[in-house]
Amino acid sequence: MALDIVIMAAGKGTRMKSARPKVLHRLAGRSLLQHVLQAAAGLEAQRIVVVTGHGAEQVEAAVAGPEALAFVRQQPQLGTGHAVQQAAPLLHDEGTTLILNGDVPLIQTDTLQALVQACDGQRMALLSVLLDDASGYGRILRRGDPATGTVLGIVEHKDASPEQRRIQEAYTGVMAVPTRQLKRWLAALKNDNAQGEYYLTDVVAAAVADGVEVVATHAHDETEVRGINSPAELAEMERRLQRRIAETLMEGGVRLADPARIDVRGELVCAEDVEIDVGCVFEGRVEIGAGACIEAYCVLRNARIAAGAVIHPFTHMDGEALGVSIGERALVGPFARLRPGAGLGAEVHIGNIVEVKNSTLARGAKANHHAYLGDATVGERVNYGAGSITANYDGANKHRTLIGADVHVGSNCVLVAPIQIGAGATIGAGSTVSKDVPSGQLTVARAKAVALPSWVRPVKVKK
């Protein structure tokens, strides 16, 4: 039996006060709509239909991908029922349609699976949640017992009577419905209500009238089904999600200095005994080995940190597609910057104000102060002096620098690539080297110091 999923993502989100479509605002590094699509992906639906409207081109470009994904446009926006009407022609007659909202990002796959199972292609299944204050939500109307009685319908908050507004069981906007009946009920919708819109919730009363059983399953909690309509709500949901992530990390043995001050905007995978100080941001995919320590205010994106490494405060890593890798017991920072293709071996030291790009440093190599290594291969135990750089770009092309094991590069040197420094060589401080350097020798390339006894320093002219 086919399962189709409809995700409503057409709204403008006026309260967001933004030119960006509401469903493209980001939560923990991904758009609201991407969160919903990820939850839906676990259901292996035959088709996922996203209903777009405001900013349709932006929304469709942002999430285009799988063959199962299709788009329809709702223009103008005439209500939730009207939105699903646009998707109806793409739905399989034989099967179940699951209807989701693109601005409810934390819905869980297991909750949706339970809802689809409750529908079983025969019943209408509604996802509800119990709230102390259900203001703004549609209310589940039941016959008899307000908790277990037969579901009769849903009344929107704006159309509810004072008595109905006291009902605590709220409709979340998520339902699973036999598709053939859904199409028929959608065709019969009317807009004779306070808003003059076609409400999807009216199909519940139609199901009851046709003798189709209507059931309701409960969400885990309010956070899972909460929609986002304003910057304040987005910020609050960010903190709720980050707290959930922090709790999961701590359950796995991670030591967080303060669970309220961590931001995971992608995927963070930690081994045991990892320590993370305050203010750290993790983006893309970051893997941290056992016993590694990430000190305060680091930003790590697409990086692998091996066991026992220490990343000192204010270090910035951005691996992009190439990634950044840090070896066992390496020390990095503070204020270091590692760019795509940076690969540090075991026990490498990268100090303050050192930048590494598309370069590898073998075991025990050190660049401790104010230095740049770009497009370089650095051997074991190399000492790379303060203020030294690889001049890797000739204005048109990048070139590589090869530095053998046990090389000592003095302070304020320029290594003009392409160049090879032989193992055990020493480069004298202040040298600009543009030719290969033989192994085991001292190379000095600098102008002779000249003193000019007759020179007089200029004096500032007073006006």
Foldseek 3Di string as FASTA:
>chain_A
DAEEEEEEQADQLVQAVDLDRQQQDDFLQGGLQVLVVVLVVVVVGQAYEYEYHRVRVVVCVRDDDDPRYYYFYDPPAFEDLSSVLRVLVVDDQAAKYKYHYSQLRQAHNVVVVVQRVVQVLFAKEFEKAFDQQQPQFWAFDAPDDLVDGFTQFTGGNVQDDPVRNNRRIGTLRIMMHNSNLLNVLSVPFAQPDPRSGGYSRVVSNVCVVVVGGYYYDYGPHCSNRDGDRYPVSSVVNSQVVLLVVLVVVVVQAEAEQDSSFERRSAAEAEHHQEYEYGNEYEEHYEYAEHNEYEYHNEYAYQEYEYHQEYEYHCEYEHQDPQYEYHEHNEYAEDCEYEYHLEYEYHNEYHYHLEYEENEYAYAQEYDHECEYHYQEYHEHNEYAEHQEYEQQDPPDDGAYEYEYACEYEYHNEYEYPPEYEADCEYEDHNAYDDYYHYHNYYDYHDDDDDDDVVDDDDDDDDD
